[in-house]
Amino acid sequence: MKALPDSYLLFREKLKKAKIEKERLKLEYEAKLEEVNGELSRLKEQITAQQEMMKTTLEYASNLEKRLCDYQGEIKKAEENSKKSLF
C-alpha cells in the first residue's frame, strides 16, 4: 500500500480544523440568536404592557372628559335655573 502524499494529509488536517471552527461558530451563533430572541421576547412583553397602560389611560381620560362635560351641563342648567328663579 502506498503512503498518502503530504499535500493530502495537510489538506485533510485543514479540513478537520475548518469543520471544528465551523461547529464552534455555529454554537456561538446559536447562543447569540437565543440571547437576541430572549431580549425580543422581553421587549414584546414590555410593549404589550405599555399598550395596556396607554389603553387604560385613554379610557380613564375619556371617562373624565365625559364626566367633565356632564358637570358643565349640570352647572349651566343650575345657572339657568337660578336666573329664572330671580325674576
PDB file of N, CA and C in Angstrom:
ATOM      1  N   MET A   1       0.849  -1.181   0.000  1.00  0.00           N
ATOM      2  CA  MET A   1       0.000   0.000   0.000  1.00  0.00           C
ATOM      3  C   MET A   1       0.891   1.238   0.000  1.00  0.00           C
ATOM      4  N   LYS A   2       0.530   2.174  -0.825  1.00  0.00           N
ATOM      5  CA  LYS A   2       1.315   3.391  -0.950  1.00  0.00           C
ATOM      6  C   LYS A   2       1.026   4.341   0.210  1.00  0.00           C
ATOM      7  N   ALA A   3       1.985   5.135   0.589  1.00  0.00           N
ATOM      8  CA  ALA A   3       1.816   6.161   1.618  1.00  0.00           C
ATOM      9  C   ALA A   3       1.064   7.344   1.002  1.00  0.00           C
ATOM     10  N   LEU A   4       0.245   7.964   1.789  1.00  0.00           N
ATOM     11  CA  LEU A   4      -0.528   9.109   1.310  1.00  0.00           C
ATOM     12  C   LEU A   4       0.411  10.299   1.110  1.00  0.00           C
ATOM     13  N   PRO A   5       0.173  11.085   0.082  1.00  0.00           N
ATOM     14  CA  PRO A   5       1.028  12.257  -0.143  1.00  0.00           C
ATOM     15  C   PRO A   5       0.853  13.273   0.988  1.00  0.00           C
ATOM     16  N   ASP A   6       1.919  14.029   1.242  1.00  0.00           N
ATOM     17  CA  ASP A   6       1.895  15.044   2.301  1.00  0.00           C
ATOM     18  C   ASP A   6       0.817  16.099   2.049  1.00  0.00           C
ATOM     19  N   SER A   7       0.621  16.492   0.789  1.00  0.00           N
ATOM     20  CA  SER A   7      -0.376  17.516   0.477  1.00  0.00           C
ATOM     21  C   SER A   7      -1.781  17.040   0.868  1.00  0.00           C
ATOM     22  N   TYR A   8      -2.050  15.762   0.660  1.00  0.00           N
ATOM     23  CA  TYR A   8      -3.355  15.222   1.038  1.00  0.00           C
ATOM     24  C   TYR A   8      -3.524  15.240   2.549  1.00  0.00           C
ATOM     25  N   LEU A   9      -2.471  14.848   3.262  1.00  0.00           N
ATOM     26  CA  LEU A   9      -2.538  14.848   4.727  1.00  0.00           C
ATOM     27  C   LEU A   9      -2.734  16.262   5.266  1.00  0.00           C
ATOM     28  N   LEU A  10      -2.034  17.233   4.666  1.00  0.00           N
ATOM     29  CA  LEU A  10      -2.198  18.633   5.083  1.00  0.00           C
ATOM     30  C   LEU A  10      -3.619  19.120   4.796  1.00  0.00           C
ATOM     31  N   PHE A  11      -4.114  18.778   3.618  1.00  0.00           N
ATOM     32  CA  PHE A  11      -5.481  19.177   3.258  1.00  0.00           C
ATOM     33  C   PHE A  11      -6.486  18.570   4.225  1.00  0.00           C
ATOM     34  N   ARG A  12      -6.313  17.296   4.552  1.00  0.00           N
ATOM     35  CA  ARG A  12      -7.223  16.625   5.474  1.00  0.00           C
ATOM     36  C   ARG A  12      -7.183  17.273   6.855  1.00  0.00           C
ATOM     37  N   GLU A  13      -6.005  17.654   7.314  1.00  0.00           N
ATOM     38  CA  GLU A  13      -5.865  18.332   8.607  1.00  0.00           C
ATOM     39  C   GLU A  13      -6.553  19.697   8.582  1.00  0.00           C
ATOM     40  N   LYS A  14      -6.358  20.454   7.491  1.00  0.00           N
ATOM     41  CA  LYS A  14      -7.004  21.762   7.366  1.00  0.00           C
ATOM     42  C   LYS A  14      -8.522  21.606   7.314  1.00  0.00           C
ATOM     43  N   LEU A  15      -8.982  20.577   6.620  1.00  0.00           N
ATOM     44  CA  LEU A  15     -10.409  20.326   6.532  1.00  0.00           C
ATOM     45  C   LEU A  15     -10.989  20.009   7.907  1.00  0.00           C
ATOM     46  N   LYS A  16     -10.279  19.224   8.682  1.00  0.00           N
ATOM     47  CA  LYS A  16     -10.725  18.883  10.039  1.00  0.00           C
ATOM     48  C   LYS A  16     -10.797  20.135  10.914  1.00  0.00           C
ATOM     49  N   LYS A  17      -9.780  21.004  10.807  1.00  0.00           N
ATOM     50  CA  LYS A  17      -9.770  22.259  11.574  1.00  0.00           C
ATOM     51  C   LYS A  17     -10.917  23.171  11.134  1.00  0.00           C
ATOM     52  N   ALA A  18     -11.188  23.192   9.825  1.00  0.00           N
ATOM     53  CA  ALA A  18     -12.274  24.029   9.317  1.00  0.00           C
ATOM     54  C   ALA A  18     -13.624  23.528   9.836  1.00  0.00           C
ATOM     55  N   LYS A  19     -13.811  22.217   9.896  1.00  0.00           N
ATOM     56  CA  LYS A  19     -15.054  21.672  10.417  1.00  0.00           C
ATOM     57  C   LYS A  19     -15.221  22.002  11.892  1.00  0.00           C
ATOM     58  N   ILE A  20     -14.131  21.911  12.661  1.00  0.00           N
ATOM     59  CA  ILE A  20     -14.189  22.254  14.089  1.00  0.00           C
ATOM     60  C   ILE A  20     -14.537  23.731  14.260  1.00  0.00           C
ATOM     61  N   GLU A  21     -13.901  24.595  13.459  1.00  0.00           N
ATOM     62  CA  GLU A  21     -14.183  26.032  13.530  1.00  0.00           C
ATOM     63  C   GLU A  21     -15.634  26.320  13.134  1.00  0.00           C
ATOM     64  N   LYS A  22     -16.101  25.624  12.105  1.00  0.00           N
ATOM     65  CA  LYS A  22     -17.483  25.795  11.667  1.00  0.00           C
ATOM     66  C   LYS A  22     -18.451  25.420  12.781  1.00  0.00           C
ATOM     67  N   GLU A  23     -18.205  24.331  13.464  1.00  0.00           N
ATOM     68  CA  GLU A  23     -19.070  23.900  14.571  1.00  0.00           C
ATOM     69  C   GLU A  23     -19.023  24.897  15.727  1.00  0.00           C
ATOM     70  N   ARG A  24     -17.826  25.431  16.015  1.00  0.00           N
ATOM     71  CA  ARG A  24     -17.691  26.425  17.086  1.00  0.00           C
ATOM     72  C   ARG A  24     -18.491  27.682  16.745  1.00  0.00           C
ATOM     73  N   LEU A  25     -18.356  28.128  15.501  1.00  0.00           N
ATOM     74  CA  LEU A  25     -19.097  29.318  15.069  1.00  0.00           C
ATOM     75  C   LEU A  25     -20.605  29.074  15.092  1.00  0.00           C
ATOM     76  N   LYS A  26     -21.004  27.876  14.719  1.00  0.00           N
ATOM     77  CA  LYS A  26     -22.424  27.536  14.741  1.00  0.00           C
ATOM     78  C   LYS A  26     -22.975  27.616  16.163  1.00  0.00           C
ATOM     79  N   LEU A  27     -22.237  27.048  17.113  1.00  0.00           N
ATOM     80  CA  LEU A  27     -22.680  27.090  18.509  1.00  0.00           C
ATOM     81  C   LEU A  27     -22.718  28.524  19.034  1.00  0.00           C
ATOM     82  N   GLU A  28     -21.718  29.313  18.672  1.00  0.00           N
ATOM     83  CA  GLU A  28     -21.675  30.718  19.096  1.00  0.00           C
ATOM     84  C   GLU A  28     -22.849  31.491  18.507  1.00  0.00           C
ATOM     85  N   TYR A  29     -23.128  31.255  17.230  1.00  0.00           N
ATOM     86  CA  TYR A  29     -24.250  31.910  16.558  1.00  0.00           C
ATOM     87  C   TYR A  29     -25.576  31.527  17.213  1.00  0.00           C
ATOM     88  N   GLU A  30     -25.749  30.248  17.503  1.00  0.00           N
ATOM     89  CA  GLU A  30     -26.994  29.791  18.131  1.00  0.00           C
ATOM     90  C   GLU A  30     -27.167  30.400  19.516  1.00  0.00           C
ATOM     91  N   ALA A  31     -26.080  30.530  20.264  1.00  0.00           N
ATOM     92  CA  ALA A  31     -26.158  31.141  21.594  1.00  0.00           C
ATOM     93  C   ALA A  31     -26.563  32.612  21.482  1.00  0.00           C
ATOM     94  N   LYS A  32     -25.956  33.324  20.539  1.00  0.00           N
ATOM     95  CA  LYS A  32     -26.306  34.735  20.348  1.00  0.00           C
ATOM     96  C   LYS A  32     -27.742  34.879  19.868  1.00  0.00           C
ATOM     97  N   LEU A  33     -28.156  33.986  18.979  1.00  0.00           N
ATOM     98  CA  LEU A  33     -29.527  34.024  18.479  1.00  0.00           C
ATOM     99  C   LEU A  33     -30.522  33.787  19.610  1.00  0.00           C
ATOM    100  N   GLU A  34     -30.204  32.862  20.481  1.00  0.00           N
ATOM    101  CA  GLU A  34     -31.073  32.595  21.636  1.00  0.00           C
ATOM    102  C   GLU A  34     -31.145  33.807  22.554  1.00  0.00           C
ATOM    103  N   GLU A  35     -30.016  34.456  22.746  1.00  0.00           N
ATOM    104  CA  GLU A  35     -29.982  35.662  23.586  1.00  0.00           C
ATOM    105  C   GLU A  35     -30.833  36.777  22.978  1.00  0.00           C
ATOM    106  N   VAL A  36     -30.696  36.975  21.671  1.00  0.00           N
ATOM    107  CA  VAL A  36     -31.478  38.015  20.979  1.00  0.00           C
ATOM    108  C   VAL A  36     -32.966  37.683  21.041  1.00  0.00           C
ATOM    109  N   ASN A  37     -33.313  36.410  20.873  1.00  0.00           N
ATOM    110  CA  ASN A  37     -34.724  36.016  20.958  1.00  0.00           C
ATOM    111  C   ASN A  37     -35.279  36.267  22.357  1.00  0.00           C
ATOM    112  N   GLY A  38     -34.462  36.033  23.385  1.00  0.00           N
ATOM    113  CA  GLY A  38     -34.891  36.326  24.753  1.00  0.00           C
ATOM    114  C   GLY A  38     -35.154  37.811  24.950  1.00  0.00           C
ATOM    115  N   GLU A  39     -34.233  38.643  24.433  1.00  0.00           N
ATOM    116  CA  GLU A  39     -34.414  40.090  24.532  1.00  0.00           C
ATOM    117  C   GLU A  39     -35.656  40.527  23.769  1.00  0.00           C
ATOM    118  N   LEU A  40     -35.854  39.947  22.605  1.00  0.00           N
ATOM    119  CA  LEU A  40     -37.032  40.283  21.796  1.00  0.00           C
ATOM    120  C   LEU A  40     -38.315  39.925  22.536  1.00  0.00           C
ATOM    121  N   SER A  41     -38.301  38.806  23.202  1.00  0.00           N
ATOM    122  CA  SER A  41     -39.471  38.382  23.979  1.00  0.00           C
ATOM    123  C   SER A  41     -39.754  39.364  25.112  1.00  0.00           C
ATOM    124  N   ARG A  42     -38.697  39.781  25.811  1.00  0.00           N
ATOM    125  CA  ARG A  42     -38.884  40.761  26.892  1.00  0.00           C
ATOM    126  C   ARG A  42     -39.406  42.085  26.343  1.00  0.00           C
ATOM    127  N   LEU A  43     -38.883  42.505  25.196  1.00  0.00           N
ATOM    128  CA  LEU A  43     -39.355  43.752  24.596  1.00  0.00           C
ATOM    129  C   LEU A  43     -40.826  43.652  24.195  1.00  0.00           C
ATOM    130  N   LYS A  44     -41.219  42.507  23.667  1.00  0.00           N
ATOM    131  CA  LYS A  44     -42.632  42.317  23.311  1.00  0.00           C
ATOM    132  C   LYS A  44     -43.511  42.414  24.543  1.00  0.00           C
ATOM    133  N   GLU A  45     -43.063  41.822  25.652  1.00  0.00           N
ATOM    134  CA  GLU A  45     -43.832  41.913  26.900  1.00  0.00           C
ATOM    135  C   GLU A  45     -43.949  43.352  27.353  1.00  0.00           C
ATOM    136  N   GLN A  46     -42.833  44.093  27.283  1.00  0.00           N
ATOM    137  CA  GLN A  46     -42.860  45.495  27.698  1.00  0.00           C
ATOM    138  C   GLN A  46     -43.785  46.313  26.810  1.00  0.00           C
ATOM    139  N   ILE A  47     -43.736  46.073  25.508  1.00  0.00           N
ATOM    140  CA  ILE A  47     -44.598  46.814  24.587  1.00  0.00           C
ATOM    141  C   ILE A  47     -46.062  46.502  24.869  1.00  0.00           C
ATOM    142  N   THR A  48     -46.362  45.236  25.109  1.00  0.00           N
ATOM    143  CA  THR A  48     -47.735  44.852  25.416  1.00  0.00           C
ATOM    144  C   THR A  48     -48.209  45.531  26.697  1.00  0.00           C
ATOM    145  N   ALA A  49     -47.350  45.549  27.713  1.00  0.00           N
ATOM    146  CA  ALA A  49     -47.707  46.192  28.977  1.00  0.00           C
ATOM    147  C   ALA A  49     -47.922  47.689  28.768  1.00  0.00           C
ATOM    148  N   GLN A  50     -47.055  48.323  27.981  1.00  0.00           N
ATOM    149  CA  GLN A  50     -47.207  49.753  27.728  1.00  0.00           C
ATOM    150  C   GLN A  50     -48.474  50.040  26.932  1.00  0.00           C
ATOM    151  N   GLN A  51     -48.802  49.162  25.990  1.00  0.00           N
ATOM    152  CA  GLN A  51     -50.039  49.349  25.233  1.00  0.00           C
ATOM    153  C   GLN A  51     -51.253  49.248  26.149  1.00  0.00           C
ATOM    154  N   GLU A  52     -51.229  48.309  27.068  1.00  0.00           N
ATOM    155  CA  GLU A  52     -52.334  48.167  28.016  1.00  0.00           C
ATOM    156  C   GLU A  52     -52.438  49.409  28.904  1.00  0.00           C
ATOM    157  N   MET A  53     -51.279  49.920  29.353  1.00  0.00           N
ATOM    158  CA  MET A  53     -51.291  51.133  30.178  1.00  0.00           C
ATOM    159  C   MET A  53     -51.862  52.302  29.385  1.00  0.00           C
ATOM    160  N   MET A  54     -51.471  52.437  28.119  1.00  0.00           N
ATOM    161  CA  MET A  54     -51.973  53.531  27.300  1.00  0.00           C
ATOM    162  C   MET A  54     -53.475  53.378  27.074  1.00  0.00           C
ATOM    163  N   LYS A  55     -53.916  52.156  26.845  1.00  0.00           N
ATOM    164  CA  LYS A  55     -55.342  51.905  26.642  1.00  0.00           C
ATOM    165  C   LYS A  55     -56.124  52.295  27.896  1.00  0.00           C
ATOM    166  N   THR A  56     -55.633  51.873  29.060  1.00  0.00           N
ATOM    167  CA  THR A  56     -56.285  52.208  30.320  1.00  0.00           C
ATOM    168  C   THR A  56     -56.295  53.714  30.544  1.00  0.00           C
ATOM    169  N   THR A  57     -55.173  54.366  30.235  1.00  0.00           N
ATOM    170  CA  THR A  57     -55.078  55.817  30.403  1.00  0.00           C
ATOM    171  C   THR A  57     -56.071  56.537  29.494  1.00  0.00           C
ATOM    172  N   LEU A  58     -56.164  56.084  28.237  1.00  0.00           N
ATOM    173  CA  LEU A  58     -57.111  56.714  27.311  1.00  0.00           C
ATOM    174  C   LEU A  58     -58.553  56.509  27.760  1.00  0.00           C
ATOM    175  N   GLU A  59     -58.867  55.326  28.249  1.00  0.00           N
ATOM    176  CA  GLU A  59     -60.220  55.075  28.750  1.00  0.00           C
ATOM    177  C   GLU A  59     -60.521  55.979  29.944  1.00  0.00           C
ATOM    178  N   TYR A  60     -59.556  56.109  30.834  1.00  0.00           N
ATOM    179  CA  TYR A  60     -59.725  56.962  32.007  1.00  0.00           C
ATOM    180  C   TYR A  60     -59.912  58.418  31.589  1.00  0.00           C
ATOM    181  N   ALA A  61     -59.082  58.861  30.640  1.00  0.00           N
ATOM    182  CA  ALA A  61     -59.195  60.242  30.163  1.00  0.00           C
ATOM    183  C   ALA A  61     -60.551  60.472  29.484  1.00  0.00           C
ATOM    184  N   SER A  62     -61.009  59.494  28.727  1.00  0.00           N
ATOM    185  CA  SER A  62     -62.318  59.629  28.068  1.00  0.00           C
ATOM    186  C   SER A  62     -63.437  59.711  29.101  1.00  0.00           C
ATOM    187  N   ASN A  63     -63.349  58.883  30.127  1.00  0.00           N
ATOM    188  CA  ASN A  63     -64.360  58.937  31.190  1.00  0.00           C
ATOM    189  C   ASN A  63     -64.334  60.285  31.905  1.00  0.00           C
ATOM    190  N   LEU A  64     -63.129  60.790  32.182  1.00  0.00           N
ATOM    191  CA  LEU A  64     -63.025  62.101  32.832  1.00  0.00           C
ATOM    192  C   LEU A  64     -63.613  63.192  31.939  1.00  0.00           C
ATOM    193  N   GLU A  65     -63.333  63.108  30.648  1.00  0.00           N
ATOM    194  CA  GLU A  65     -63.858  64.102  29.718  1.00  0.00           C
ATOM    195  C   GLU A  65     -65.388  64.058  29.702  1.00  0.00           C
ATOM    196  N   LYS A  66     -65.931  62.852  29.675  1.00  0.00           N
ATOM    197  CA  LYS A  66     -67.385  62.711  29.666  1.00  0.00           C
ATOM    198  C   LYS A  66     -67.984  63.271  30.953  1.00  0.00           C
ATOM    199  N   ARG A  67     -67.372  62.933  32.093  1.00  0.00           N
ATOM    200  CA  ARG A  67     -67.874  63.448  33.370  1.00  0.00           C
ATOM    201  C   ARG A  67     -67.763  64.959  33.437  1.00  0.00           C
ATOM    202  N   LEU A  68     -66.673  65.504  32.894  1.00  0.00           N
ATOM    203  CA  LEU A  68     -66.496  66.960  32.882  1.00  0.00           C
ATOM    204  C   LEU A  68     -67.585  67.616  32.048  1.00  0.00           C
ATOM    205  N   CYS A  69     -67.878  67.040  30.902  1.00  0.00           N
ATOM    206  CA  CYS A  69     -68.952  67.588  30.052  1.00  0.00           C
ATOM    207  C   CYS A  69     -70.298  67.509  30.772  1.00  0.00           C
ATOM    208  N   ASP A  70     -70.535  66.390  31.468  1.00  0.00           N
ATOM    209  CA  ASP A  70     -71.779  66.248  32.227  1.00  0.00           C
ATOM    210  C   ASP A  70     -71.871  67.313  33.321  1.00  0.00           C
ATOM    211  N   TYR A  71     -70.777  67.526  34.040  1.00  0.00           N
ATOM    212  CA  TYR A  71     -70.773  68.533  35.109  1.00  0.00           C
ATOM    213  C   TYR A  71     -70.967  69.934  34.549  1.00  0.00           C
ATOM    214  N   GLN A  72     -70.338  70.200  33.400  1.00  0.00           N
ATOM    215  CA  GLN A  72     -70.527  71.521  32.795  1.00  0.00           C
ATOM    216  C   GLN A  72     -71.981  71.724  32.397  1.00  0.00           C
ATOM    217  N   GLY A  73     -72.601  70.671  31.887  1.00  0.00           N
ATOM    218  CA  GLY A  73     -74.027  70.760  31.541  1.00  0.00           C
ATOM    219  C   GLY A  73     -74.876  70.992  32.772  1.00  0.00           C
ATOM    220  N   GLU A  74     -74.564  70.299  33.871  1.00  0.00           N
ATOM    221  CA  GLU A  74     -75.306  70.492  35.118  1.00  0.00           C
ATOM    222  C   GLU A  74     -75.119  71.901  35.647  1.00  0.00           C
ATOM    223  N   ILE A  75     -73.908  72.440  35.526  1.00  0.00           N
ATOM    224  CA  ILE A  75     -73.631  73.808  36.005  1.00  0.00           C
ATOM    225  C   ILE A  75     -74.431  74.813  35.190  1.00  0.00           C
ATOM    226  N   LYS A  76     -74.479  74.624  33.867  1.00  0.00           N
ATOM    227  CA  LYS A  76     -75.246  75.535  33.025  1.00  0.00           C
ATOM    228  C   LYS A  76     -76.730  75.486  33.371  1.00  0.00           C
ATOM    229  N   LYS A  77     -77.237  74.279  33.595  1.00  0.00           N
ATOM    230  CA  LYS A  77     -78.647  74.144  33.965  1.00  0.00           C
ATOM    231  C   LYS A  77     -78.911  74.808  35.304  1.00  0.00           C
ATOM    232  N   ALA A  78     -77.994  74.611  36.243  1.00  0.00           N
ATOM    233  CA  ALA A  78     -78.159  75.218  37.555  1.00  0.00           C
ATOM    234  C   ALA A  78     -78.125  76.737  37.450  1.00  0.00           C
ATOM    235  N   GLU A  79     -77.246  77.281  36.621  1.00  0.00           N
ATOM    236  CA  GLU A  79     -77.169  78.736  36.434  1.00  0.00           C
ATOM    237  C   GLU A  79     -78.449  79.261  35.791  1.00  0.00           C
ATOM    238  N   GLU A  80     -78.935  78.528  34.797  1.00  0.00           N
ATOM    239  CA  GLU A  80     -80.171  78.950  34.134  1.00  0.00           C
ATOM    240  C   GLU A  80     -81.352  78.889  35.100  1.00  0.00           C
ATOM    241  N   ASN A  81     -81.409  77.849  35.913  1.00  0.00           N
ATOM    242  CA  ASN A  81     -82.487  77.736  36.889  1.00  0.00           C
ATOM    243  C   ASN A  81     -82.392  78.832  37.937  1.00  0.00           C
ATOM    244  N   SER A  82     -81.184  79.194  38.348  1.00  0.00           N
ATOM    245  CA  SER A  82     -81.035  80.232  39.352  1.00  0.00           C
ATOM    246  C   SER A  82     -81.414  81.599  38.782  1.00  0.00           C
ATOM    247  N   LYS A  83     -81.155  81.822  37.494  1.00  0.00           N
ATOM    248  CA  LYS A  83     -81.539  83.093  36.864  1.00  0.00           C
ATOM    249  C   LYS A  83     -83.056  83.188  36.739  1.00  0.00           C
ATOM    250  N   LYS A  84     -83.701  82.067  36.425  1.00  0.00           N
ATOM    251  CA  LYS A  84     -85.151  82.075  36.283  1.00  0.00           C
ATOM    252  C   LYS A  84     -85.834  82.333  37.616  1.00  0.00           C
ATOM    253  N   SER A  85     -85.288  81.830  38.679  1.00  0.00           N
ATOM    254  CA  SER A  85     -85.941  81.988  39.980  1.00  0.00           C
ATOM    255  C   SER A  85     -85.804  83.421  40.491  1.00  0.00           C
ATOM    256  N   LEU A  86     -84.830  84.170  40.033  1.00  0.00           N
ATOM    257  CA  LEU A  86     -84.658  85.545  40.484  1.00  0.00           C
ATOM    258  C   LEU A  86     -85.696  86.476  39.878  1.00  0.00           C
ATOM    259  N   PHE A  87     -86.156  86.181  38.707  1.00  0.00           N
ATOM    260  CA  PHE A  87     -87.100  87.082  38.055  1.00  0.00           C
ATOM    261  C   PHE A  87     -88.461  86.672  38.308  1.00  0.00           C
TER     262      PHE A  87
END
